[in-house]
Amino acid sequence: QNPWMAIHPPILYVGYVGTIIPFA
């Protein structure tokens, strides 16, 4: 219940998940 947790995970996920695009 922290404002940073409202934006940190989805942005991190874009980077984390995004590794598959250049890999593919």
PDB file of all heavy atoms in Angstrom:
ATOM      1  N   GLN A   1       0.846  -1.192   0.000  1.00  0.00           N
ATOM      2  CA  GLN A   1       0.000   0.000   0.000  1.00  0.00           C
ATOM      3  C   GLN A   1       0.886   1.249   0.000  1.00  0.00           C
ATOM      4  O   GLN A   1       0.926   2.032   0.943  1.00  0.00           O
ATOM      5  CB  GLN A   1      -0.938  -0.019   1.202  1.00  0.00           C
ATOM      6  CG  GLN A   1      -1.943  -1.164   1.160  1.00  0.00           C
ATOM      7  CD  GLN A   1      -2.874  -1.158   2.352  1.00  0.00           C
ATOM      8  OE1 GLN A   1      -3.323  -0.108   2.793  1.00  0.00           O
ATOM      9  NE2 GLN A   1      -3.190  -2.341   2.867  1.00  0.00           N
ATOM     10  N   ASN A   2       1.595   1.395  -1.087  1.00  0.00           N
ATOM     11  CA  ASN A   2       2.541   2.484  -1.274  1.00  0.00           C
ATOM     12  C   ASN A   2       2.381   2.982  -2.701  1.00  0.00           C
ATOM     13  O   ASN A   2       2.294   2.169  -3.635  1.00  0.00           O
ATOM     14  CB  ASN A   2       3.969   1.976  -1.027  1.00  0.00           C
ATOM     15  CG  ASN A   2       5.016   3.058  -1.148  1.00  0.00           C
ATOM     16  OD1 ASN A   2       5.229   3.628  -2.211  1.00  0.00           O
ATOM     17  ND2 ASN A   2       5.700   3.348  -0.048  1.00  0.00           N
ATOM     18  N   PRO A   3       2.346   4.302  -2.914  1.00  0.00           N
ATOM     19  CA  PRO A   3       2.142   4.811  -4.281  1.00  0.00           C
ATOM     20  C   PRO A   3       3.146   4.278  -5.293  1.00  0.00           C
ATOM     21  O   PRO A   3       2.802   4.082  -6.464  1.00  0.00           O
ATOM     22  CB  PRO A   3       2.284   6.329  -4.103  1.00  0.00           C
ATOM     23  CG  PRO A   3       1.910   6.587  -2.685  1.00  0.00           C
ATOM     24  CD  PRO A   3       2.396   5.398  -1.917  1.00  0.00           C
ATOM     25  N   TRP A   4       4.387   4.030  -4.847  1.00  0.00           N
ATOM     26  CA  TRP A   4       5.386   3.522  -5.792  1.00  0.00           C
ATOM     27  C   TRP A   4       5.015   2.135  -6.298  1.00  0.00           C
ATOM     28  O   TRP A   4       5.360   1.759  -7.422  1.00  0.00           O
ATOM     29  CB  TRP A   4       6.768   3.510  -5.140  1.00  0.00           C
ATOM     30  CG  TRP A   4       7.265   4.865  -4.773  1.00  0.00           C
ATOM     31  CD1 TRP A   4       7.445   5.352  -3.509  1.00  0.00           C
ATOM     32  CD2 TRP A   4       7.624   5.925  -5.660  1.00  0.00           C
ATOM     33  NE1 TRP A   4       7.890   6.656  -3.552  1.00  0.00           N
ATOM     34  CE2 TRP A   4       8.010   7.029  -4.868  1.00  0.00           C
ATOM     35  CE3 TRP A   4       7.652   6.052  -7.048  1.00  0.00           C
ATOM     36  CZ2 TRP A   4       8.436   8.236  -5.414  1.00  0.00           C
ATOM     37  CZ3 TRP A   4       8.067   7.265  -7.596  1.00  0.00           C
ATOM     38  CH2 TRP A   4       8.442   8.324  -6.792  1.00  0.00           C
ATOM     39  N   MET A   5       4.314   1.349  -5.471  1.00  0.00           N
ATOM     40  CA  MET A   5       3.919   0.007  -5.896  1.00  0.00           C
ATOM     41  C   MET A   5       2.776   0.045  -6.895  1.00  0.00           C
ATOM     42  O   MET A   5       2.432  -0.973  -7.488  1.00  0.00           O
ATOM     43  CB  MET A   5       3.525  -0.836  -4.676  1.00  0.00           C
ATOM     44  CG  MET A   5       4.706  -1.267  -3.824  1.00  0.00           C
ATOM     45  SD  MET A   5       5.971  -2.170  -4.746  1.00  0.00           S
ATOM     46  CE  MET A   5       5.071  -3.662  -5.138  1.00  0.00           C
ATOM     47  N   ALA A   6       2.160   1.209  -7.079  1.00  0.00           N
ATOM     48  CA  ALA A   6       1.115   1.331  -8.095  1.00  0.00           C
ATOM     49  C   ALA A   6       1.698   1.500  -9.488  1.00  0.00           C
ATOM     50  O   ALA A   6       0.990   1.296 -10.488  1.00  0.00           O
ATOM     51  CB  ALA A   6       0.203   2.514  -7.767  1.00  0.00           C
ATOM     52  N   ILE A   7       3.001   1.864  -9.564  1.00  0.00           N
ATOM     53  CA  ILE A   7       3.607   2.057 -10.883  1.00  0.00           C
ATOM     54  C   ILE A   7       4.863   1.217 -11.100  1.00  0.00           C
ATOM     55  O   ILE A   7       5.220   0.915 -12.247  1.00  0.00           O
ATOM     56  CB  ILE A   7       3.943   3.546 -11.121  1.00  0.00           C
ATOM     57  CG1 ILE A   7       4.801   4.094  -9.982  1.00  0.00           C
ATOM     58  CG2 ILE A   7       2.679   4.367 -11.265  1.00  0.00           C
ATOM     59  CD1 ILE A   7       5.254   5.526 -10.204  1.00  0.00           C
ATOM     60  N   HIS A   8       5.537   0.829  -9.995  1.00  0.00           N
ATOM     61  CA  HIS A   8       6.775   0.063 -10.136  1.00  0.00           C
ATOM     62  C   HIS A   8       6.575  -1.293 -10.824  1.00  0.00           C
ATOM     63  O   HIS A   8       7.270  -1.581 -11.825  1.00  0.00           O
ATOM     64  CB  HIS A   8       7.431  -0.098  -8.756  1.00  0.00           C
ATOM     65  CG  HIS A   8       8.318  -1.281  -8.613  1.00  0.00           C
ATOM     66  ND1 HIS A   8       9.429  -1.487  -9.399  1.00  0.00           N
ATOM     67  CD2 HIS A   8       8.263  -2.345  -7.757  1.00  0.00           C
ATOM     68  CE1 HIS A   8      10.011  -2.617  -9.044  1.00  0.00           C
ATOM     69  NE2 HIS A   8       9.328  -3.147  -8.057  1.00  0.00           N
ATOM     70  N   PRO A   9       5.648  -2.163 -10.368  1.00  0.00           N
ATOM     71  CA  PRO A   9       5.551  -3.488 -10.994  1.00  0.00           C
ATOM     72  C   PRO A   9       5.197  -3.467 -12.481  1.00  0.00           C
ATOM     73  O   PRO A   9       5.843  -4.169 -13.271  1.00  0.00           O
ATOM     74  CB  PRO A   9       4.469  -4.198 -10.155  1.00  0.00           C
ATOM     75  CG  PRO A   9       4.511  -3.507  -8.843  1.00  0.00           C
ATOM     76  CD  PRO A   9       4.788  -2.074  -9.178  1.00  0.00           C
ATOM     77  N   PRO A  10       4.178  -2.704 -12.930  1.00  0.00           N
ATOM     78  CA  PRO A  10       3.881  -2.765 -14.368  1.00  0.00           C
ATOM     79  C   PRO A  10       5.010  -2.257 -15.240  1.00  0.00           C
ATOM     80  O   PRO A  10       5.257  -2.816 -16.326  1.00  0.00           O
ATOM     81  CB  PRO A  10       2.626  -1.895 -14.514  1.00  0.00           C
ATOM     82  CG  PRO A  10       2.519  -1.097 -13.278  1.00  0.00           C
ATOM     83  CD  PRO A  10       3.179  -1.887 -12.210  1.00  0.00           C
ATOM     84  N   ILE A  11       5.734  -1.224 -14.796  1.00  0.00           N
ATOM     85  CA  ILE A  11       6.863  -0.736 -15.586  1.00  0.00           C
ATOM     86  C   ILE A  11       7.983  -1.774 -15.600  1.00  0.00           C
ATOM     87  O   ILE A  11       8.597  -2.045 -16.647  1.00  0.00           O
ATOM     88  CB  ILE A  11       7.364   0.611 -15.030  1.00  0.00           C
ATOM     89  CG1 ILE A  11       6.304   1.690 -15.246  1.00  0.00           C
ATOM     90  CG2 ILE A  11       8.673   1.022 -15.691  1.00  0.00           C
ATOM     91  CD1 ILE A  11       6.662   3.038 -14.649  1.00  0.00           C
ATOM     92  N   LEU A  12       8.255  -2.360 -14.440  1.00  0.00           N
ATOM     93  CA  LEU A  12       9.275  -3.407 -14.378  1.00  0.00           C
ATOM     94  C   LEU A  12       8.889  -4.578 -15.273  1.00  0.00           C
ATOM     95  O   LEU A  12       9.748  -5.156 -15.956  1.00  0.00           O
ATOM     96  CB  LEU A  12       9.447  -3.881 -12.935  1.00  0.00           C
ATOM     97  CG  LEU A  12      10.595  -4.869 -12.703  1.00  0.00           C
ATOM     98  CD1 LEU A  12      11.937  -4.151 -12.774  1.00  0.00           C
ATOM     99  CD2 LEU A  12      10.454  -5.569 -11.353  1.00  0.00           C
ATOM    100  N   TYR A  13       7.608  -4.926 -15.296  1.00  0.00           N
ATOM    101  CA  TYR A  13       7.160  -6.040 -16.123  1.00  0.00           C
ATOM    102  C   TYR A  13       7.370  -5.762 -17.606  1.00  0.00           C
ATOM    103  O   TYR A  13       7.703  -6.677 -18.375  1.00  0.00           O
ATOM    104  CB  TYR A  13       5.678  -6.338 -15.857  1.00  0.00           C
ATOM    105  CG  TYR A  13       5.438  -7.347 -14.756  1.00  0.00           C
ATOM    106  CD1 TYR A  13       6.187  -7.305 -13.594  1.00  0.00           C
ATOM    107  CD2 TYR A  13       4.467  -8.328 -14.864  1.00  0.00           C
ATOM    108  CE1 TYR A  13       5.978  -8.219 -12.569  1.00  0.00           C
ATOM    109  CE2 TYR A  13       4.243  -9.249 -13.849  1.00  0.00           C
ATOM    110  CZ  TYR A  13       5.002  -9.195 -12.704  1.00  0.00           C
ATOM    111  OH  TYR A  13       4.796 -10.103 -11.705  1.00  0.00           O
ATOM    112  N   VAL A  14       7.152  -4.511 -18.032  1.00  0.00           N
ATOM    113  CA  VAL A  14       7.395  -4.185 -19.440  1.00  0.00           C
ATOM    114  C   VAL A  14       8.847  -4.487 -19.801  1.00  0.00           C
ATOM    115  O   VAL A  14       9.142  -5.025 -20.876  1.00  0.00           O
ATOM    116  CB  VAL A  14       7.051  -2.711 -19.730  1.00  0.00           C
ATOM    117  CG1 VAL A  14       7.506  -2.313 -21.130  1.00  0.00           C
ATOM    118  CG2 VAL A  14       5.554  -2.468 -19.589  1.00  0.00           C
ATOM    119  N   GLY A  15       9.772  -4.139 -18.899  1.00  0.00           N
ATOM    120  CA  GLY A  15      11.170  -4.444 -19.153  1.00  0.00           C
ATOM    121  C   GLY A  15      11.472  -5.920 -19.061  1.00  0.00           C
ATOM    122  O   GLY A  15      12.167  -6.483 -19.918  1.00  0.00           O
ATOM    123  N   TYR A  16      10.957  -6.558 -18.027  1.00  0.00           N
ATOM    124  CA  TYR A  16      11.203  -7.983 -17.804  1.00  0.00           C
ATOM    125  C   TYR A  16      10.615  -8.824 -18.938  1.00  0.00           C
ATOM    126  O   TYR A  16      11.296  -9.649 -19.542  1.00  0.00           O
ATOM    127  CB  TYR A  16      10.535  -8.346 -16.482  1.00  0.00           C
ATOM    128  CG  TYR A  16      11.374  -9.187 -15.559  1.00  0.00           C
ATOM    129  CD1 TYR A  16      12.679  -8.839 -15.249  1.00  0.00           C
ATOM    130  CD2 TYR A  16      10.836 -10.324 -14.952  1.00  0.00           C
ATOM    131  CE1 TYR A  16      13.435  -9.602 -14.385  1.00  0.00           C
ATOM    132  CE2 TYR A  16      11.584 -11.094 -14.082  1.00  0.00           C
ATOM    133  CZ  TYR A  16      12.887 -10.726 -13.796  1.00  0.00           C
ATOM    134  OH  TYR A  16      13.635 -11.484 -12.949  1.00  0.00           O
ATOM    135  N   VAL A  17       9.339  -8.588 -19.218  1.00  0.00           N
ATOM    136  CA  VAL A  17       8.659  -9.337 -20.272  1.00  0.00           C
ATOM    137  C   VAL A  17       9.201  -8.941 -21.632  1.00  0.00           C
ATOM    138  O   VAL A  17       9.293  -9.763 -22.550  1.00  0.00           O
ATOM    139  CB  VAL A  17       7.136  -9.083 -20.209  1.00  0.00           C
ATOM    140  CG1 VAL A  17       6.415  -9.823 -21.325  1.00  0.00           C
ATOM    141  CG2 VAL A  17       6.581  -9.487 -18.853  1.00  0.00           C
ATOM    142  N   GLY A  18       9.582  -7.661 -21.764  1.00  0.00           N
ATOM    143  CA  GLY A  18      10.043  -7.164 -23.053  1.00  0.00           C
ATOM    144  C   GLY A  18      11.296  -7.824 -23.562  1.00  0.00           C
ATOM    145  O   GLY A  18      11.623  -7.704 -24.756  1.00  0.00           O
ATOM    146  N   THR A  19      12.029  -8.545 -22.724  1.00  0.00           N
ATOM    147  CA  THR A  19      13.235  -9.230 -23.186  1.00  0.00           C
ATOM    148  C   THR A  19      12.925 -10.272 -24.246  1.00  0.00           C
ATOM    149  O   THR A  19      13.801 -10.623 -25.039  1.00  0.00           O
ATOM    150  CB  THR A  19      13.969  -9.911 -22.019  1.00  0.00           C
ATOM    151  OG1 THR A  19      13.075 -10.828 -21.364  1.00  0.00           O
ATOM    152  CG2 THR A  19      14.448  -8.888 -20.996  1.00  0.00           C
ATOM    153  N   ILE A  20      11.683 -10.751 -24.290  1.00  0.00           N
ATOM    154  CA  ILE A  20      11.353 -11.794 -25.256  1.00  0.00           C
ATOM    155  C   ILE A  20      11.280 -11.246 -26.677  1.00  0.00           C
ATOM    156  O   ILE A  20      11.500 -11.982 -27.647  1.00  0.00           O
ATOM    157  CB  ILE A  20      10.027 -12.504 -24.908  1.00  0.00           C
ATOM    158  CG1 ILE A  20       9.893 -13.793 -25.735  1.00  0.00           C
ATOM    159  CG2 ILE A  20       8.837 -11.586 -25.153  1.00  0.00           C
ATOM    160  CD1 ILE A  20       8.690 -14.634 -25.394  1.00  0.00           C
ATOM    161  N   ILE A  21      10.996  -9.944 -26.861  1.00  0.00           N
ATOM    162  CA  ILE A  21      10.810  -9.419 -28.213  1.00  0.00           C
ATOM    163  C   ILE A  21      12.121  -9.397 -28.992  1.00  0.00           C
ATOM    164  O   ILE A  21      12.201  -9.973 -30.088  1.00  0.00           O
ATOM    165  CB  ILE A  21      10.144  -8.027 -28.174  1.00  0.00           C
ATOM    166  CG1 ILE A  21       8.824  -8.089 -27.390  1.00  0.00           C
ATOM    167  CG2 ILE A  21       9.921  -7.526 -29.584  1.00  0.00           C
ATOM    168  CD1 ILE A  21       7.784  -8.999 -27.988  1.00  0.00           C
ATOM    169  N   PRO A  22      13.206  -8.758 -28.491  1.00  0.00           N
ATOM    170  CA  PRO A  22      14.468  -8.857 -29.241  1.00  0.00           C
ATOM    171  C   PRO A  22      14.967 -10.284 -29.340  1.00  0.00           C
ATOM    172  O   PRO A  22      15.559 -10.672 -30.356  1.00  0.00           O
ATOM    173  CB  PRO A  22      15.435  -7.971 -28.437  1.00  0.00           C
ATOM    174  CG  PRO A  22      14.820  -7.811 -27.092  1.00  0.00           C
ATOM    175  CD  PRO A  22      13.336  -7.887 -27.311  1.00  0.00           C
ATOM    176  N   PHE A  23      14.712 -11.087 -28.309  1.00  0.00           N
ATOM    177  CA  PHE A  23      15.116 -12.492 -28.363  1.00  0.00           C
ATOM    178  C   PHE A  23      14.413 -13.215 -29.501  1.00  0.00           C
ATOM    179  O   PHE A  23      15.055 -13.940 -30.281  1.00  0.00           O
ATOM    180  CB  PHE A  23      14.799 -13.166 -27.029  1.00  0.00           C
ATOM    181  CG  PHE A  23      14.991 -14.664 -27.047  1.00  0.00           C
ATOM    182  CD1 PHE A  23      16.225 -15.222 -27.307  1.00  0.00           C
ATOM    183  CD2 PHE A  23      13.918 -15.527 -26.786  1.00  0.00           C
ATOM    184  CE1 PHE A  23      16.408 -16.604 -27.318  1.00  0.00           C
ATOM    185  CE2 PHE A  23      14.096 -16.900 -26.796  1.00  0.00           C
ATOM    186  CZ  PHE A  23      15.334 -17.443 -27.060  1.00  0.00           C
ATOM    187  N   ALA A  24      13.102 -13.011 -29.640  1.00  0.00           N
ATOM    188  CA  ALA A  24      12.351 -13.677 -30.709  1.00  0.00           C
ATOM    189  C   ALA A  24      12.850 -13.233 -32.080  1.00  0.00           C
ATOM    190  O   ALA A  24      13.004 -14.060 -32.997  1.00  0.00           O
ATOM    191  CB  ALA A  24      10.862 -13.375 -30.566  1.00  0.00           C
TER     192      ALA A  24
END
